[in-house]
Amino acid sequence: MTLDDYIAGLIFGYILVVARIGGAVMFMPGFGETQIPIRMRVAFALVLCAALYPATPVAARLPGTPVETVLLLGLEATIGIWIGLCGRVLLSAMDFAGYQVGQVSGLANAFGPSLGAFEGATLVASLLIIGSVAAIFASDAHHLILRALLDSYRVFPVGLVITGDLAQQIVRAGGESLYIGMSIAAPFFVMGVVLNLGMGLANRMMPQLPVFFVASSILIVAGLLILSVATPAMIGHFLDQFTAWLGVFRF
């Protein structure tokens, strides 16, 4: 092997690492947030891939044919984007939970800034997403993300992808995201049922009572109170589920 072939193989190996790890970083919670400018995300992905390249099992060699080159790049990019999207689907549980909390407790605001994946997300959803991303870095879970990206080469070797497993796992991630969102918002559903039932009984007993104005104030106060108490547990529950999913890539 000549020096030119070796250097070309190193460059192609780096491109393969960028296709997988860079593709995952562009969507992964904490690293791929939409509030980060796209140029900064791309620059960070390129530097991170250069730092992790020596720790990956990617061989420094050129494929024999152009078809093999395109096929390898497509497979690595597919795996990387799949990993990032699965993480993003799990994070969307906080967006869903925040939307439900805002609707039940009367804290929804259509004019609030949307920081999540859903259009018209409430301020509560934005709060939960920001808190979850901050918790990822505060608890050093971003180290687990980087470790999972490296371990993905053991689960999915270079040039090997099983589309059936990818489809099955992203469907499971969607179901897990719905479960997380519903379990987080469950106390607020109970609060809404109890308070609305009580206001309905009060209206039957005192028809002259302005139930709408009284119920709105009680729902907002109760929602803020429960939110202030339950937010750490809500973010902690998501973080536990997210780190457990990252452990899937480890044997």
C-alpha atoms as a PDB file:
ATOM      1  CA  MET A   1       0.000   0.000   0.000  1.00  0.00           C
ATOM      2  CA  THR A   2       1.382   3.371  -1.018  1.00  0.00           C
ATOM      3  CA  LEU A   3       1.319   6.475   1.156  1.00  0.00           C
ATOM      4  CA  ASP A   4      -1.309   8.052  -1.100  1.00  0.00           C
ATOM      5  CA  ASP A   5      -3.592   5.027  -0.719  1.00  0.00           C
ATOM      6  CA  TYR A   6      -3.160   5.056   3.062  1.00  0.00           C
ATOM      7  CA  ILE A   7      -3.976   8.756   3.337  1.00  0.00           C
ATOM      8  CA  ALA A   8      -6.971   8.320   1.026  1.00  0.00           C
ATOM      9  CA  GLY A   9      -8.138   5.410   3.204  1.00  0.00           C
ATOM     10  CA  LEU A  10      -7.814   7.542   6.348  1.00  0.00           C
ATOM     11  CA  ILE A  11      -9.850  10.317   4.766  1.00  0.00           C
ATOM     12  CA  PHE A  12     -12.551   7.891   3.625  1.00  0.00           C
ATOM     13  CA  GLY A  13     -12.655   6.285   7.079  1.00  0.00           C
ATOM     14  CA  TYR A  14     -13.135   9.716   8.621  1.00  0.00           C
ATOM     15  CA  ILE A  15     -15.982  10.383   6.197  1.00  0.00           C
ATOM     16  CA  LEU A  16     -17.622   7.128   7.302  1.00  0.00           C
ATOM     17  CA  VAL A  17     -17.332   8.205  10.943  1.00  0.00           C
ATOM     18  CA  VAL A  18     -18.867  11.576  10.067  1.00  0.00           C
ATOM     19  CA  ALA A  19     -21.723   9.807   8.295  1.00  0.00           C
ATOM     20  CA  ARG A  20     -22.620   7.795  11.402  1.00  0.00           C
ATOM     21  CA  ILE A  21     -21.570   9.827  14.435  1.00  0.00           C
ATOM     22  CA  GLY A  22     -22.099  13.202  12.755  1.00  0.00           C
ATOM     23  CA  GLY A  23     -25.548  12.155  11.558  1.00  0.00           C
ATOM     24  CA  ALA A  24     -26.485  11.029  15.066  1.00  0.00           C
ATOM     25  CA  VAL A  25     -25.148  14.206  16.695  1.00  0.00           C
ATOM     26  CA  MET A  26     -27.208  16.403  14.381  1.00  0.00           C
ATOM     27  CA  PHE A  27     -30.422  14.961  15.866  1.00  0.00           C
ATOM     28  CA  MET A  28     -29.370  13.701  19.312  1.00  0.00           C
ATOM     29  CA  PRO A  29     -30.892  15.527  22.326  1.00  0.00           C
ATOM     30  CA  GLY A  30     -28.480  18.008  23.821  1.00  0.00           C
ATOM     31  CA  PHE A  31     -26.242  18.219  20.761  1.00  0.00           C
ATOM     32  CA  GLY A  32     -28.767  18.691  17.967  1.00  0.00           C
ATOM     33  CA  GLU A  33     -31.105  21.297  19.411  1.00  0.00           C
ATOM     34  CA  THR A  34     -32.656  23.672  16.901  1.00  0.00           C
ATOM     35  CA  GLN A  35     -31.598  26.669  19.016  1.00  0.00           C
ATOM     36  CA  ILE A  36     -27.948  25.914  18.150  1.00  0.00           C
ATOM     37  CA  PRO A  37     -26.993  27.419  14.758  1.00  0.00           C
ATOM     38  CA  ILE A  38     -26.568  24.794  12.068  1.00  0.00           C
ATOM     39  CA  ARG A  39     -22.982  25.875  11.322  1.00  0.00           C
ATOM     40  CA  MET A  40     -21.987  25.385  14.945  1.00  0.00           C
ATOM     41  CA  ARG A  41     -23.588  21.954  15.010  1.00  0.00           C
ATOM     42  CA  VAL A  42     -21.797  20.910  11.837  1.00  0.00           C
ATOM     43  CA  ALA A  43     -18.476  22.248  13.116  1.00  0.00           C
ATOM     44  CA  PHE A  44     -18.901  20.444  16.438  1.00  0.00           C
ATOM     45  CA  ALA A  45     -19.815  17.201  14.659  1.00  0.00           C
ATOM     46  CA  LEU A  46     -16.711  17.389  12.457  1.00  0.00           C
ATOM     47  CA  VAL A  47     -14.396  18.044  15.413  1.00  0.00           C
ATOM     48  CA  LEU A  48     -16.058  15.329  17.521  1.00  0.00           C
ATOM     49  CA  CYS A  49     -15.733  12.784  14.707  1.00  0.00           C
ATOM     50  CA  ALA A  50     -12.038  13.642  14.327  1.00  0.00           C
ATOM     51  CA  ALA A  51     -11.542  13.079  18.069  1.00  0.00           C
ATOM     52  CA  LEU A  52     -13.460   9.767  18.148  1.00  0.00           C
ATOM     53  CA  TYR A  53     -12.114   8.379  14.871  1.00  0.00           C
ATOM     54  CA  PRO A  54      -9.123   6.601  16.492  1.00  0.00           C
ATOM     55  CA  ALA A  55     -11.478   4.866  18.961  1.00  0.00           C
ATOM     56  CA  THR A  56     -13.726   3.456  16.216  1.00  0.00           C
ATOM     57  CA  PRO A  57     -13.123   0.144  14.419  1.00  0.00           C
ATOM     58  CA  VAL A  58     -13.410   1.816  11.014  1.00  0.00           C
ATOM     59  CA  ALA A  59     -10.627   0.540   8.760  1.00  0.00           C
ATOM     60  CA  ALA A  60      -8.488   3.045   6.871  1.00  0.00           C
ATOM     61  CA  ARG A  61      -9.036   1.648   3.389  1.00  0.00           C
ATOM     62  CA  LEU A  62     -10.777   2.600   0.194  1.00  0.00           C
ATOM     63  CA  PRO A  63     -13.615   0.461  -1.217  1.00  0.00           C
ATOM     64  CA  GLY A  64     -12.936  -1.405  -4.405  1.00  0.00           C
ATOM     65  CA  THR A  65     -15.737   0.115  -6.495  1.00  0.00           C
ATOM     66  CA  PRO A  66     -17.746   3.365  -6.547  1.00  0.00           C
ATOM     67  CA  VAL A  67     -20.917   1.367  -5.864  1.00  0.00           C
ATOM     68  CA  GLU A  68     -19.413  -0.018  -2.659  1.00  0.00           C
ATOM     69  CA  THR A  69     -18.374   3.506  -1.652  1.00  0.00           C
ATOM     70  CA  VAL A  70     -21.887   4.888  -2.058  1.00  0.00           C
ATOM     71  CA  LEU A  71     -23.377   1.849  -0.327  1.00  0.00           C
ATOM     72  CA  LEU A  72     -21.101   2.191   2.715  1.00  0.00           C
ATOM     73  CA  LEU A  73     -21.828   5.894   3.055  1.00  0.00           C
ATOM     74  CA  GLY A  74     -25.567   5.294   2.757  1.00  0.00           C
ATOM     75  CA  LEU A  75     -25.561   2.533   5.371  1.00  0.00           C
ATOM     76  CA  GLU A  76     -23.488   4.507   7.869  1.00  0.00           C
ATOM     77  CA  ALA A  77     -25.612   7.627   7.398  1.00  0.00           C
ATOM     78  CA  THR A  78     -28.783   5.555   7.859  1.00  0.00           C
ATOM     79  CA  ILE A  79     -27.552   4.099  11.159  1.00  0.00           C
ATOM     80  CA  GLY A  80     -26.392   7.492  12.452  1.00  0.00           C
ATOM     81  CA  ILE A  81     -29.616   9.285  11.582  1.00  0.00           C
ATOM     82  CA  TRP A  82     -31.616   6.405  13.071  1.00  0.00           C
ATOM     83  CA  ILE A  83     -29.765   6.681  16.385  1.00  0.00           C
ATOM     84  CA  GLY A  84     -30.261  10.446  16.503  1.00  0.00           C
ATOM     85  CA  LEU A  85     -33.944  10.220  15.598  1.00  0.00           C
ATOM     86  CA  CYS A  86     -34.608   7.579  18.261  1.00  0.00           C
ATOM     87  CA  GLY A  87     -33.124   9.902  20.865  1.00  0.00           C
ATOM     88  CA  ARG A  88     -35.178  12.781  19.517  1.00  0.00           C
ATOM     89  CA  VAL A  89     -38.352  10.675  19.650  1.00  0.00           C
ATOM     90  CA  LEU A  90     -37.686   9.947  23.326  1.00  0.00           C
ATOM     91  CA  LEU A  91     -37.170  13.650  24.040  1.00  0.00           C
ATOM     92  CA  SER A  92     -40.474  14.442  22.348  1.00  0.00           C
ATOM     93  CA  ALA A  93     -42.128  12.754  25.356  1.00  0.00           C
ATOM     94  CA  MET A  94     -41.392  15.914  27.352  1.00  0.00           C
ATOM     95  CA  ASP A  95     -42.955  18.012  24.606  1.00  0.00           C
ATOM     96  CA  PHE A  96     -46.069  15.846  24.621  1.00  0.00           C
ATOM     97  CA  ALA A  97     -46.271  15.878  28.420  1.00  0.00           C
ATOM     98  CA  GLY A  98     -45.851  19.653  28.558  1.00  0.00           C
ATOM     99  CA  TYR A  99     -48.596  20.128  25.994  1.00  0.00           C
ATOM    100  CA  GLN A 100     -50.968  17.938  27.995  1.00  0.00           C
ATOM    101  CA  VAL A 101     -50.063  19.690  31.253  1.00  0.00           C
ATOM    102  CA  GLY A 102     -50.684  23.097  29.677  1.00  0.00           C
ATOM    103  CA  GLN A 103     -54.048  22.072  28.282  1.00  0.00           C
ATOM    104  CA  VAL A 104     -55.287  20.452  31.501  1.00  0.00           C
ATOM    105  CA  SER A 105     -54.113  23.174  33.897  1.00  0.00           C
ATOM    106  CA  GLY A 106     -54.985  26.159  31.721  1.00  0.00           C
ATOM    107  CA  LEU A 107     -51.331  27.152  31.228  1.00  0.00           C
ATOM    108  CA  ALA A 108     -51.377  26.746  27.448  1.00  0.00           C
ATOM    109  CA  ASN A 109     -50.469  29.822  25.449  1.00  0.00           C
ATOM    110  CA  ALA A 110     -50.668  29.787  21.661  1.00  0.00           C
ATOM    111  CA  PHE A 111     -48.364  32.811  21.472  1.00  0.00           C
ATOM    112  CA  GLY A 112     -45.574  31.249  23.517  1.00  0.00           C
ATOM    113  CA  PRO A 113     -42.262  30.359  21.830  1.00  0.00           C
ATOM    114  CA  SER A 114     -42.063  26.783  20.595  1.00  0.00           C
ATOM    115  CA  LEU A 115     -38.778  25.082  21.491  1.00  0.00           C
ATOM    116  CA  GLY A 116     -39.931  21.552  20.832  1.00  0.00           C
ATOM    117  CA  ALA A 117     -40.864  19.364  17.917  1.00  0.00           C
ATOM    118  CA  PHE A 118     -44.576  20.235  17.930  1.00  0.00           C
ATOM    119  CA  GLU A 119     -45.956  23.386  16.376  1.00  0.00           C
ATOM    120  CA  GLY A 120     -47.668  25.601  18.921  1.00  0.00           C
ATOM    121  CA  ALA A 121     -45.979  23.926  21.871  1.00  0.00           C
ATOM    122  CA  THR A 122     -46.835  25.446  25.206  1.00  0.00           C
ATOM    123  CA  LEU A 123     -44.497  27.252  27.568  1.00  0.00           C
ATOM    124  CA  VAL A 124     -44.714  24.283  29.921  1.00  0.00           C
ATOM    125  CA  ALA A 125     -43.393  22.025  27.156  1.00  0.00           C
ATOM    126  CA  SER A 126     -40.557  24.461  26.484  1.00  0.00           C
ATOM    127  CA  LEU A 127     -39.736  24.468  30.205  1.00  0.00           C
ATOM    128  CA  LEU A 128     -39.618  20.683  30.374  1.00  0.00           C
ATOM    129  CA  ILE A 129     -37.482  20.391  27.240  1.00  0.00           C
ATOM    130  CA  ILE A 130     -34.972  22.982  28.423  1.00  0.00           C
ATOM    131  CA  GLY A 131     -34.841  21.314  31.836  1.00  0.00           C
ATOM    132  CA  SER A 132     -34.338  17.870  30.278  1.00  0.00           C
ATOM    133  CA  VAL A 133     -31.510  19.059  28.032  1.00  0.00           C
ATOM    134  CA  ALA A 134     -29.873  20.827  30.972  1.00  0.00           C
ATOM    135  CA  ALA A 135     -30.219  17.660  33.068  1.00  0.00           C
ATOM    136  CA  ILE A 136     -28.494  15.621  30.347  1.00  0.00           C
ATOM    137  CA  PHE A 137     -25.373  17.759  30.655  1.00  0.00           C
ATOM    138  CA  ALA A 138     -25.618  18.307  34.427  1.00  0.00           C
ATOM    139  CA  SER A 139     -25.772  14.552  35.078  1.00  0.00           C
ATOM    140  CA  ASP A 140     -22.979  13.781  32.559  1.00  0.00           C
ATOM    141  CA  ALA A 141     -25.428  11.772  30.454  1.00  0.00           C
ATOM    142  CA  HIS A 142     -23.797  13.319  27.377  1.00  0.00           C
ATOM    143  CA  HIS A 143     -20.811  11.083  28.145  1.00  0.00           C
ATOM    144  CA  LEU A 144     -23.155   8.114  27.896  1.00  0.00           C
ATOM    145  CA  ILE A 145     -24.345   9.422  24.522  1.00  0.00           C
ATOM    146  CA  LEU A 146     -20.780   9.505  23.197  1.00  0.00           C
ATOM    147  CA  ARG A 147     -20.119   6.054  24.642  1.00  0.00           C
ATOM    148  CA  ALA A 148     -23.284   4.706  23.020  1.00  0.00           C
ATOM    149  CA  LEU A 149     -22.199   6.115  19.654  1.00  0.00           C
ATOM    150  CA  LEU A 150     -18.915   4.235  19.927  1.00  0.00           C
ATOM    151  CA  ASP A 151     -20.642   1.060  21.108  1.00  0.00           C
ATOM    152  CA  SER A 152     -22.989   1.227  18.127  1.00  0.00           C
ATOM    153  CA  TYR A 153     -20.129  -0.156  16.027  1.00  0.00           C
ATOM    154  CA  ARG A 154     -20.365  -3.371  18.052  1.00  0.00           C
ATOM    155  CA  VAL A 155     -24.114  -3.643  17.500  1.00  0.00           C
ATOM    156  CA  PHE A 156     -24.029  -2.488  13.872  1.00  0.00           C
ATOM    157  CA  PRO A 157     -20.638  -3.230  12.303  1.00  0.00           C
ATOM    158  CA  VAL A 158     -19.514  -1.060   9.410  1.00  0.00           C
ATOM    159  CA  GLY A 159     -21.380  -1.979   6.253  1.00  0.00           C
ATOM    160  CA  LEU A 160     -24.065  -4.023   8.040  1.00  0.00           C
ATOM    161  CA  VAL A 161     -27.581  -2.783   8.685  1.00  0.00           C
ATOM    162  CA  ILE A 162     -30.747  -4.759   9.415  1.00  0.00           C
ATOM    163  CA  THR A 163     -33.672  -2.632   8.307  1.00  0.00           C
ATOM    164  CA  GLY A 164     -36.212  -4.788  10.153  1.00  0.00           C
ATOM    165  CA  ASP A 165     -34.507  -4.180  13.487  1.00  0.00           C
ATOM    166  CA  LEU A 166     -34.234  -0.456  12.815  1.00  0.00           C
ATOM    167  CA  ALA A 167     -37.935  -0.173  12.032  1.00  0.00           C
ATOM    168  CA  GLN A 168     -38.897  -2.287  15.054  1.00  0.00           C
ATOM    169  CA  GLN A 169     -36.730  -0.293  17.439  1.00  0.00           C
ATOM    170  CA  ILE A 170     -37.936   3.126  16.295  1.00  0.00           C
ATOM    171  CA  VAL A 171     -41.539   1.927  16.713  1.00  0.00           C
ATOM    172  CA  ARG A 172     -40.639   0.799  20.240  1.00  0.00           C
ATOM    173  CA  ALA A 173     -39.038   4.183  20.859  1.00  0.00           C
ATOM    174  CA  GLY A 174     -42.281   5.854  19.779  1.00  0.00           C
ATOM    175  CA  GLY A 175     -44.300   3.676  22.130  1.00  0.00           C
ATOM    176  CA  GLU A 176     -41.866   4.313  24.979  1.00  0.00           C
ATOM    177  CA  SER A 177     -42.060   8.049  24.290  1.00  0.00           C
ATOM    178  CA  LEU A 178     -45.852   7.968  24.529  1.00  0.00           C
ATOM    179  CA  TYR A 179     -45.644   5.971  27.755  1.00  0.00           C
ATOM    180  CA  ILE A 180     -43.164   8.426  29.286  1.00  0.00           C
ATOM    181  CA  GLY A 181     -45.273  11.422  28.277  1.00  0.00           C
ATOM    182  CA  MET A 182     -48.483   9.919  29.637  1.00  0.00           C
ATOM    183  CA  SER A 183     -46.882   8.803  32.912  1.00  0.00           C
ATOM    184  CA  ILE A 184     -45.390  12.264  33.450  1.00  0.00           C
ATOM    185  CA  ALA A 185     -48.680  14.031  32.762  1.00  0.00           C
ATOM    186  CA  ALA A 186     -50.798  11.528  34.764  1.00  0.00           C
ATOM    187  CA  PRO A 187     -50.934  13.607  37.994  1.00  0.00           C
ATOM    188  CA  PHE A 188     -52.287  16.555  36.046  1.00  0.00           C
ATOM    189  CA  PHE A 189     -54.972  14.388  34.442  1.00  0.00           C
ATOM    190  CA  VAL A 190     -56.089  13.309  37.913  1.00  0.00           C
ATOM    191  CA  MET A 191     -56.027  16.927  39.089  1.00  0.00           C
ATOM    192  CA  GLY A 192     -58.139  18.032  36.126  1.00  0.00           C
ATOM    193  CA  VAL A 193     -60.738  15.305  36.660  1.00  0.00           C
ATOM    194  CA  VAL A 194     -61.031  15.972  40.407  1.00  0.00           C
ATOM    195  CA  LEU A 195     -61.245  19.763  40.109  1.00  0.00           C
ATOM    196  CA  ASN A 196     -63.646  19.741  37.183  1.00  0.00           C
ATOM    197  CA  LEU A 197     -65.832  17.189  38.947  1.00  0.00           C
ATOM    198  CA  GLY A 198     -65.849  19.353  42.060  1.00  0.00           C
ATOM    199  CA  MET A 199     -66.706  22.474  40.064  1.00  0.00           C
ATOM    200  CA  GLY A 200     -69.496  20.579  38.327  1.00  0.00           C
ATOM    201  CA  LEU A 201     -71.002  19.547  41.654  1.00  0.00           C
ATOM    202  CA  ALA A 202     -70.605  23.080  42.970  1.00  0.00           C
ATOM    203  CA  ASN A 203     -72.438  24.425  39.939  1.00  0.00           C
ATOM    204  CA  ARG A 204     -75.299  22.007  40.519  1.00  0.00           C
ATOM    205  CA  MET A 205     -75.570  23.136  44.123  1.00  0.00           C
ATOM    206  CA  MET A 206     -75.106  26.862  43.386  1.00  0.00           C
ATOM    207  CA  PRO A 207     -76.281  27.646  39.853  1.00  0.00           C
ATOM    208  CA  GLN A 208     -75.463  31.342  40.312  1.00  0.00           C
ATOM    209  CA  LEU A 209     -71.742  30.542  40.867  1.00  0.00           C
ATOM    210  CA  PRO A 210     -69.554  31.719  37.921  1.00  0.00           C
ATOM    211  CA  VAL A 211     -67.940  28.297  37.526  1.00  0.00           C
ATOM    212  CA  PHE A 212     -65.823  29.197  34.517  1.00  0.00           C
ATOM    213  CA  PHE A 213     -63.963  32.034  36.226  1.00  0.00           C
ATOM    214  CA  VAL A 214     -63.571  30.190  39.516  1.00  0.00           C
ATOM    215  CA  ALA A 215     -62.467  26.916  37.894  1.00  0.00           C
ATOM    216  CA  SER A 216     -59.906  28.655  35.669  1.00  0.00           C
ATOM    217  CA  SER A 217     -58.215  30.308  38.619  1.00  0.00           C
ATOM    218  CA  ILE A 218     -58.195  27.108  40.684  1.00  0.00           C
ATOM    219  CA  LEU A 219     -56.822  25.053  37.772  1.00  0.00           C
ATOM    220  CA  ILE A 220     -53.997  27.511  37.127  1.00  0.00           C
ATOM    221  CA  VAL A 221     -52.987  27.735  40.781  1.00  0.00           C
ATOM    222  CA  ALA A 222     -53.197  23.970  41.305  1.00  0.00           C
ATOM    223  CA  GLY A 223     -51.319  23.335  38.043  1.00  0.00           C
ATOM    224  CA  LEU A 224     -48.493  25.690  39.018  1.00  0.00           C
ATOM    225  CA  LEU A 225     -48.288  24.144  42.472  1.00  0.00           C
ATOM    226  CA  ILE A 226     -48.113  20.558  41.195  1.00  0.00           C
ATOM    227  CA  LEU A 227     -45.707  21.578  38.424  1.00  0.00           C
ATOM    228  CA  SER A 228     -43.311  23.222  40.880  1.00  0.00           C
ATOM    229  CA  VAL A 229     -43.296  20.113  43.067  1.00  0.00           C
ATOM    230  CA  ALA A 230     -43.276  17.441  40.362  1.00  0.00           C
ATOM    231  CA  THR A 231     -40.880  18.947  37.784  1.00  0.00           C
ATOM    232  CA  PRO A 232     -37.685  17.398  39.276  1.00  0.00           C
ATOM    233  CA  ALA A 233     -39.325  13.967  39.376  1.00  0.00           C
ATOM    234  CA  MET A 234     -40.652  14.397  35.820  1.00  0.00           C
ATOM    235  CA  ILE A 235     -37.230  15.282  34.418  1.00  0.00           C
ATOM    236  CA  GLY A 236     -35.587  12.569  36.514  1.00  0.00           C
ATOM    237  CA  HIS A 237     -37.982   9.946  35.144  1.00  0.00           C
ATOM    238  CA  PHE A 238     -37.205  10.968  31.573  1.00  0.00           C
ATOM    239  CA  LEU A 239     -33.465  10.924  32.266  1.00  0.00           C
ATOM    240  CA  ASP A 240     -33.678   7.400  33.695  1.00  0.00           C
ATOM    241  CA  GLN A 241     -35.531   6.135  30.632  1.00  0.00           C
ATOM    242  CA  PHE A 242     -33.177   7.939  28.258  1.00  0.00           C
ATOM    243  CA  THR A 243     -30.019   6.537  29.869  1.00  0.00           C
ATOM    244  CA  ALA A 244     -31.590   3.067  29.928  1.00  0.00           C
ATOM    245  CA  TRP A 245     -32.131   3.330  26.179  1.00  0.00           C
ATOM    246  CA  LEU A 246     -28.488   4.339  25.687  1.00  0.00           C
ATOM    247  CA  GLY A 247     -27.497   1.144  27.486  1.00  0.00           C
ATOM    248  CA  VAL A 248     -29.075  -0.880  24.656  1.00  0.00           C
ATOM    249  CA  PHE A 249     -25.920  -0.331  22.613  1.00  0.00           C
ATOM    250  CA  ARG A 250     -23.770  -2.056  25.253  1.00  0.00           C
ATOM    251  CA  PHE A 251     -23.521  -5.799  25.667  1.00  0.00           C
END
